[in-house]
C-alpha atoms as a PDB file:
ATOM      1  CA  UNK A   1      67.893 114.246  77.541  1.00  0.00           C
ATOM      2  CA  UNK A   2      66.748 112.657  74.259  1.00  0.00           C
ATOM      3  CA  UNK A   3      63.360 112.934  72.560  1.00  0.00           C
ATOM      4  CA  UNK A   4      62.007 109.571  71.398  1.00  0.00           C
ATOM      5  CA  UNK A   5      59.400 109.816  68.650  1.00  0.00           C
ATOM      6  CA  UNK A   6      57.308 107.000  67.235  1.00  0.00           C
ATOM      7  CA  UNK A   7      53.947 105.637  66.165  1.00  0.00           C
ATOM      8  CA  UNK A   8      51.929 102.754  67.605  1.00  0.00           C
ATOM      9  CA  UNK A   9      49.633 100.802  65.258  1.00  0.00           C
ATOM     10  CA  UNK A  10      47.207  97.880  65.361  1.00  0.00           C
ATOM     11  CA  UNK A  11      49.066  94.764  64.241  1.00  0.00           C
ATOM     12  CA  UNK A  12      45.978  93.455  62.444  1.00  0.00           C
ATOM     13  CA  UNK A  13      44.685  96.547  60.634  1.00  0.00           C
ATOM     14  CA  UNK A  14      47.779  98.750  60.559  1.00  0.00           C
ATOM     15  CA  UNK A  15      45.736 101.710  61.812  1.00  0.00           C
ATOM     16  CA  UNK A  16      47.265 104.159  64.288  1.00  0.00           C
ATOM     17  CA  UNK A  17      46.177 103.606  67.904  1.00  0.00           C
ATOM     18  CA  UNK A  18      45.219 106.680  69.978  1.00  0.00           C
ATOM     19  CA  UNK A  19      45.423 106.727  73.786  1.00  0.00           C
ATOM     20  CA  UNK A  20      48.169 104.096  74.078  1.00  0.00           C
ATOM     21  CA  UNK A  21      50.281 104.648  77.210  1.00  0.00           C
ATOM     22  CA  UNK A  22      54.042 104.795  76.582  1.00  0.00           C
ATOM     23  CA  UNK A  23      56.069 104.796  79.833  1.00  0.00           C
ATOM     24  CA  UNK A  24      59.767 104.718  80.673  1.00  0.00           C
ATOM     25  CA  UNK A  25      60.055 101.475  82.665  1.00  0.00           C
ATOM     26  CA  UNK A  26      60.592 101.981  86.387  1.00  0.00           C
ATOM     27  CA  UNK A  27      59.464 105.633  86.296  1.00  0.00           C
ATOM     28  CA  UNK A  28      56.269 107.691  86.147  1.00  0.00           C
ATOM     29  CA  UNK A  29      57.455 109.465  82.998  1.00  0.00           C
ATOM     30  CA  UNK A  30      55.195 108.769  80.043  1.00  0.00           C
ATOM     31  CA  UNK A  31      52.780 110.029  77.419  1.00  0.00           C
ATOM     32  CA  UNK A  32      49.695 108.864  75.526  1.00  0.00           C
ATOM     33  CA  UNK A  33      49.628 108.521  71.755  1.00  0.00           C
ATOM     34  CA  UNK A  34      47.791 111.054  69.591  1.00  0.00           C
ATOM     35  CA  UNK A  35      44.837 110.321  67.270  1.00  0.00           C
ATOM     36  CA  UNK A  36      47.169 108.891  64.621  1.00  0.00           C
ATOM     37  CA  UNK A  37      49.118 106.762  67.121  1.00  0.00           C
ATOM     38  CA  UNK A  38      52.129 109.084  67.230  1.00  0.00           C
ATOM     39  CA  UNK A  39      53.976 110.136  70.386  1.00  0.00           C
ATOM     40  CA  UNK A  40      57.002 112.136  71.557  1.00  0.00           C
ATOM     41  CA  UNK A  41      58.612 111.207  74.879  1.00  0.00           C
ATOM     42  CA  UNK A  42      61.712 112.827  76.471  1.00  0.00           C
ATOM     43  CA  UNK A  43      64.015 110.246  78.104  1.00  0.00           C
ATOM     44  CA  UNK A  44      67.073 110.913  80.258  1.00  0.00           C
ATOM     45  CA  UNK A  45      68.691 107.485  79.779  1.00  0.00           C
ATOM     46  CA  UNK A  46      69.234 106.384  76.177  1.00  0.00           C
ATOM     47  CA  UNK A  47      69.347 102.742  77.375  1.00  0.00           C
ATOM     48  CA  UNK A  48      65.827 102.910  78.817  1.00  0.00           C
ATOM     49  CA  UNK A  49      63.081 100.382  78.184  1.00  0.00           C
ATOM     50  CA  UNK A  50      59.665 101.597  77.048  1.00  0.00           C
ATOM     51  CA  UNK A  51      56.516  99.926  78.354  1.00  0.00           C
ATOM     52  CA  UNK A  52      53.622 100.161  75.883  1.00  0.00           C
ATOM     53  CA  UNK A  53      50.106  99.293  77.008  1.00  0.00           C
ATOM     54  CA  UNK A  54      46.527  99.775  75.914  1.00  0.00           C
ATOM     55  CA  UNK A  55      43.218  98.186  76.894  1.00  0.00           C
ATOM     56  CA  UNK A  56      42.426  95.356  74.505  1.00  0.00           C
ATOM     57  CA  UNK A  57      46.031  94.867  73.395  1.00  0.00           C
ATOM     58  CA  UNK A  58      48.960  92.817  74.622  1.00  0.00           C
ATOM     59  CA  UNK A  59      51.431  94.736  76.765  1.00  0.00           C
ATOM     60  CA  UNK A  60      54.795  95.251  75.074  1.00  0.00           C
ATOM     61  CA  UNK A  61      58.277  96.291  76.189  1.00  0.00           C
ATOM     62  CA  UNK A  62      60.854  97.839  73.854  1.00  0.00           C
ATOM     63  CA  UNK A  63      64.543  98.352  74.652  1.00  0.00           C
ATOM     64  CA  UNK A  64      65.866 101.603  73.180  1.00  0.00           C
ATOM     65  CA  UNK A  65      68.973 101.209  71.026  1.00  0.00           C
ATOM     66  CA  UNK A  66      68.885 104.385  68.948  1.00  0.00           C
ATOM     67  CA  UNK A  67      66.632 107.044  70.565  1.00  0.00           C
ATOM     68  CA  UNK A  68      67.055 109.413  67.620  1.00  0.00           C
ATOM     69  CA  UNK A  69      65.475 106.952  65.142  1.00  0.00           C
ATOM     70  CA  UNK A  70      61.649 107.109  64.861  1.00  0.00           C
ATOM     71  CA  UNK A  71      59.951 103.996  66.260  1.00  0.00           C
ATOM     72  CA  UNK A  72      57.243 102.031  64.443  1.00  0.00           C
ATOM     73  CA  UNK A  73      55.661  99.520  66.826  1.00  0.00           C
ATOM     74  CA  UNK A  74      52.569  97.343  66.426  1.00  0.00           C
ATOM     75  CA  UNK A  75      50.380  95.931  69.208  1.00  0.00           C
ATOM     76  CA  UNK A  76      48.578  92.611  68.888  1.00  0.00           C
ATOM     77  CA  UNK A  77      44.941  92.408  70.091  1.00  0.00           C
ATOM     78  CA  UNK A  78      44.514  90.609  73.429  1.00  0.00           C
ATOM     79  CA  UNK A  79      41.334  88.543  73.277  1.00  0.00           C
ATOM     80  CA  UNK A  80      41.343  87.899  77.012  1.00  0.00           C
ATOM     81  CA  UNK A  81      41.643  91.605  77.822  1.00  0.00           C
ATOM     82  CA  UNK A  82      38.767  92.410  75.464  1.00  0.00           C
ATOM     83  CA  UNK A  83      36.568  89.919  77.328  1.00  0.00           C
ATOM     84  CA  UNK A  84      37.515  91.443  80.671  1.00  0.00           C
ATOM     85  CA  UNK A  85      36.604  94.921  79.459  1.00  0.00           C
ATOM     86  CA  UNK A  86      33.016  93.782  78.915  1.00  0.00           C
ATOM     87  CA  UNK A  87      32.559  92.743  82.566  1.00  0.00           C
ATOM     88  CA  UNK A  88      34.849  95.273  84.220  1.00  0.00           C
ATOM     89  CA  UNK A  89      33.832  98.774  85.148  1.00  0.00           C
ATOM     90  CA  UNK A  90      35.523 101.216  82.812  1.00  0.00           C
ATOM     91  CA  UNK A  91      37.830 103.590  84.644  1.00  0.00           C
ATOM     92  CA  UNK A  92      39.344 106.844  83.536  1.00  0.00           C
ATOM     93  CA  UNK A  93      42.969 106.571  82.434  1.00  0.00           C
ATOM     94  CA  UNK A  94      45.300 108.740  84.546  1.00  0.00           C
ATOM     95  CA  UNK A  95      46.660 111.834  82.841  1.00  0.00           C
ATOM     96  CA  UNK A  96      50.363 111.430  82.010  1.00  0.00           C
ATOM     97  CA  UNK A  97      52.627 113.822  83.938  1.00  0.00           C
ATOM     98  CA  UNK A  98      53.614 117.052  82.214  1.00  0.00           C
ATOM     99  CA  UNK A  99      57.218 117.403  81.040  1.00  0.00           C
ATOM    100  CA  UNK A 100      58.722 120.856  80.641  1.00  0.00           C
ATOM    101  CA  UNK A 101      60.702 121.919  77.559  1.00  0.00           C
ATOM    102  CA  UNK A 102      64.440 121.190  77.644  1.00  0.00           C
ATOM    103  CA  UNK A 103      67.468 122.126  75.533  1.00  0.00           C
ATOM    104  CA  UNK A 104      69.168 119.394  73.507  1.00  0.00           C
ATOM    105  CA  UNK A 105      71.946 117.855  75.583  1.00  0.00           C
ATOM    106  CA  UNK A 106      70.323 118.856  78.878  1.00  0.00           C
ATOM    107  CA  UNK A 107      70.552 121.947  81.086  1.00  0.00           C
ATOM    108  CA  UNK A 108      74.153 121.374  82.321  1.00  0.00           C
ATOM    109  CA  UNK A 109      75.438 121.323  78.722  1.00  0.00           C
ATOM    110  CA  UNK A 110      73.306 124.383  77.911  1.00  0.00           C
ATOM    111  CA  UNK A 111      74.767 126.265  80.873  1.00  0.00           C
ATOM    112  CA  UNK A 112      78.264 125.377  79.691  1.00  0.00           C
ATOM    113  CA  UNK A 113      77.444 126.674  76.206  1.00  0.00           C
ATOM    114  CA  UNK A 114      76.208 129.957  77.669  1.00  0.00           C
ATOM    115  CA  UNK A 115      79.332 130.321  79.810  1.00  0.00           C
ATOM    116  CA  UNK A 116      81.680 129.785  76.869  1.00  0.00           C
ATOM    117  CA  UNK A 117      79.802 131.718  74.184  1.00  0.00           C
ATOM    118  CA  UNK A 118      78.784 134.890  76.043  1.00  0.00           C
ATOM    119  CA  UNK A 119      80.583 137.891  74.528  1.00  0.00           C
ATOM    120  CA  UNK A 120      80.590 140.824  76.930  1.00  0.00           C
ATOM    121  CA  UNK A 121      79.770 143.923  74.816  1.00  0.00           C
ATOM    122  CA  UNK A 122      82.634 146.426  74.500  1.00  0.00           C
ATOM    123  CA  UNK A 123      80.476 149.363  75.578  1.00  0.00           C
ATOM    124  CA  UNK A 124      79.263 147.427  78.636  1.00  0.00           C
ATOM    125  CA  UNK A 125      82.916 146.685  79.523  1.00  0.00           C
ATOM    126  CA  UNK A 126      83.866 150.362  79.211  1.00  0.00           C
ATOM    127  CA  UNK A 127      80.835 151.468  81.227  1.00  0.00           C
ATOM    128  CA  UNK A 128      81.367 148.619  83.719  1.00  0.00           C
ATOM    129  CA  UNK A 129      77.735 147.612  83.273  1.00  0.00           C
ATOM    130  CA  UNK A 130      76.665 144.706  85.475  1.00  0.00           C
ATOM    131  CA  UNK A 131      73.350 143.094  86.271  1.00  0.00           C
ATOM    132  CA  UNK A 132      70.690 140.742  84.969  1.00  0.00           C
ATOM    133  CA  UNK A 133      68.792 140.584  81.698  1.00  0.00           C
ATOM    134  CA  UNK A 134      65.497 138.749  82.063  1.00  0.00           C
ATOM    135  CA  UNK A 135      64.143 137.120  78.900  1.00  0.00           C
ATOM    136  CA  UNK A 136      60.919 135.329  78.103  1.00  0.00           C
ATOM    137  CA  UNK A 137      60.206 133.103  75.102  1.00  0.00           C
ATOM    138  CA  UNK A 138      57.984 130.294  73.895  1.00  0.00           C
ATOM    139  CA  UNK A 139      59.186 126.830  72.886  1.00  0.00           C
ATOM    140  CA  UNK A 140      56.677 125.686  70.252  1.00  0.00           C
ATOM    141  CA  UNK A 141      55.330 122.157  69.773  1.00  0.00           C
ATOM    142  CA  UNK A 142      58.024 121.598  67.122  1.00  0.00           C
ATOM    143  CA  UNK A 143      60.852 122.822  69.371  1.00  0.00           C
ATOM    144  CA  UNK A 144      61.441 126.224  67.751  1.00  0.00           C
ATOM    145  CA  UNK A 145      61.806 129.434  69.775  1.00  0.00           C
ATOM    146  CA  UNK A 146      59.257 132.189  69.240  1.00  0.00           C
ATOM    147  CA  UNK A 147      58.226 135.464  70.910  1.00  0.00           C
ATOM    148  CA  UNK A 148      61.713 136.027  72.371  1.00  0.00           C
ATOM    149  CA  UNK A 149      61.621 139.288  74.280  1.00  0.00           C
ATOM    150  CA  UNK A 150      63.303 141.194  77.097  1.00  0.00           C
ATOM    151  CA  UNK A 151      61.075 141.632  80.150  1.00  0.00           C
ATOM    152  CA  UNK A 152      63.735 143.323  82.306  1.00  0.00           C
ATOM    153  CA  UNK A 153      66.709 144.858  80.498  1.00  0.00           C
ATOM    154  CA  UNK A 154      70.202 145.935  81.519  1.00  0.00           C
ATOM    155  CA  UNK A 155      71.512 147.887  78.514  1.00  0.00           C
ATOM    156  CA  UNK A 156      70.870 147.758  74.794  1.00  0.00           C
ATOM    157  CA  UNK A 157      74.115 145.885  74.188  1.00  0.00           C
ATOM    158  CA  UNK A 158      73.648 143.364  77.008  1.00  0.00           C
ATOM    159  CA  UNK A 159      69.996 142.802  76.075  1.00  0.00           C
ATOM    160  CA  UNK A 160      70.974 142.006  72.480  1.00  0.00           C
ATOM    161  CA  UNK A 161      73.747 139.626  73.586  1.00  0.00           C
ATOM    162  CA  UNK A 162      71.403 137.734  75.937  1.00  0.00           C
ATOM    163  CA  UNK A 163      68.871 137.339  73.134  1.00  0.00           C
ATOM    164  CA  UNK A 164      71.585 136.180  70.722  1.00  0.00           C
ATOM    165  CA  UNK A 165      72.664 133.441  73.114  1.00  0.00           C
ATOM    166  CA  UNK A 166      69.168 131.999  73.296  1.00  0.00           C
ATOM    167  CA  UNK A 167      68.402 132.501  69.592  1.00  0.00           C
ATOM    168  CA  UNK A 168      71.637 130.868  68.371  1.00  0.00           C
ATOM    169  CA  UNK A 169      71.887 128.222  71.082  1.00  0.00           C
ATOM    170  CA  UNK A 170      71.086 124.498  71.034  1.00  0.00           C
ATOM    171  CA  UNK A 171      67.738 123.245  69.759  1.00  0.00           C
ATOM    172  CA  UNK A 172      64.942 122.667  72.280  1.00  0.00           C
ATOM    173  CA  UNK A 173      62.630 119.729  72.881  1.00  0.00           C
ATOM    174  CA  UNK A 174      59.000 120.846  73.335  1.00  0.00           C
ATOM    175  CA  UNK A 175      57.072 120.473  76.556  1.00  0.00           C
ATOM    176  CA  UNK A 176      54.744 117.460  76.826  1.00  0.00           C
ATOM    177  CA  UNK A 177      51.345 118.273  78.338  1.00  0.00           C
ATOM    178  CA  UNK A 178      48.371 115.914  78.385  1.00  0.00           C
ATOM    179  CA  UNK A 179      50.309 113.312  76.428  1.00  0.00           C
ATOM    180  CA  UNK A 180      51.299 115.555  73.516  1.00  0.00           C
ATOM    181  CA  UNK A 181      53.796 118.243  72.536  1.00  0.00           C
ATOM    182  CA  UNK A 182      52.517 121.694  73.454  1.00  0.00           C
ATOM    183  CA  UNK A 183      53.891 125.276  73.276  1.00  0.00           C
ATOM    184  CA  UNK A 184      55.450 126.250  76.614  1.00  0.00           C
ATOM    185  CA  UNK A 185      56.653 129.589  77.956  1.00  0.00           C
ATOM    186  CA  UNK A 186      60.168 129.832  79.440  1.00  0.00           C
ATOM    187  CA  UNK A 187      61.954 132.508  81.474  1.00  0.00           C
ATOM    188  CA  UNK A 188      65.688 133.150  81.242  1.00  0.00           C
ATOM    189  CA  UNK A 189      67.575 135.452  83.635  1.00  0.00           C
ATOM    190  CA  UNK A 190      71.076 136.165  82.213  1.00  0.00           C
ATOM    191  CA  UNK A 191      73.686 137.704  84.545  1.00  0.00           C
ATOM    192  CA  UNK A 192      76.550 139.907  83.376  1.00  0.00           C
ATOM    193  CA  UNK A 193      79.131 140.173  86.196  1.00  0.00           C
ATOM    194  CA  UNK A 194      82.719 141.509  86.336  1.00  0.00           C
ATOM    195  CA  UNK A 195      85.392 139.809  88.462  1.00  0.00           C
ATOM    196  CA  UNK A 196      88.285 141.628  90.113  1.00  0.00           C
ATOM    197  CA  UNK A 197      90.488 140.623  87.154  1.00  0.00           C
ATOM    198  CA  UNK A 198      88.171 142.102  84.590  1.00  0.00           C
ATOM    199  CA  UNK A 199      86.699 138.765  83.472  1.00  0.00           C
ATOM    200  CA  UNK A 200      83.011 138.059  83.376  1.00  0.00           C
ATOM    201  CA  UNK A 201      80.664 135.212  84.094  1.00  0.00           C
ATOM    202  CA  UNK A 202      77.166 134.170  83.061  1.00  0.00           C
ATOM    203  CA  UNK A 203      74.521 132.068  84.721  1.00  0.00           C
ATOM    204  CA  UNK A 204      71.144 130.885  83.501  1.00  0.00           C
ATOM    205  CA  UNK A 205      68.296 129.386  85.484  1.00  0.00           C
ATOM    206  CA  UNK A 206      66.227 126.424  84.232  1.00  0.00           C
ATOM    207  CA  UNK A 207      62.982 127.057  82.309  1.00  0.00           C
ATOM    208  CA  UNK A 208      59.783 127.689  84.225  1.00  0.00           C
END
């Protein structure tokens, strides 16, 4: 999963265009630009094509080559479309689908990180402590993690290790709601389990 950021402007005036629809071609995944023409859109395929459309402007397609580089795209006014708007009943634009927050690299890579980096606390090993630590946190509009807390603990040592994993883990992409980045709450159950050989494993469910 990559987060494509950019800004759509009017080719004539250079002003940012709000309400422009930016879709991943062949899917229903998309967002609308903010008041200044900016947008942030998570894409699963870095070779995707973006379809950019707005009433009164020519439709444009853009093939992604470097999703990490900010895009600066300009739309040319469509005289024919402007004429049609005058005689056509104005309809309400559909609300873009919401996209939940996601860790950089995707959930499978995040799960692998958790599996490799979990350090079973010494006291928990001695006490043979097993179970689940349930965490809750907020991914802000800028992708940072805030309000990380334990909602169902196992032991002091296990609780602290579960929180460390989330706090020191990969960066997160924010959730997209109503066409823009928004703070989103996530839940994270972390399991501490012994095997018959004394090893341990860890599993994490996807965000809510």
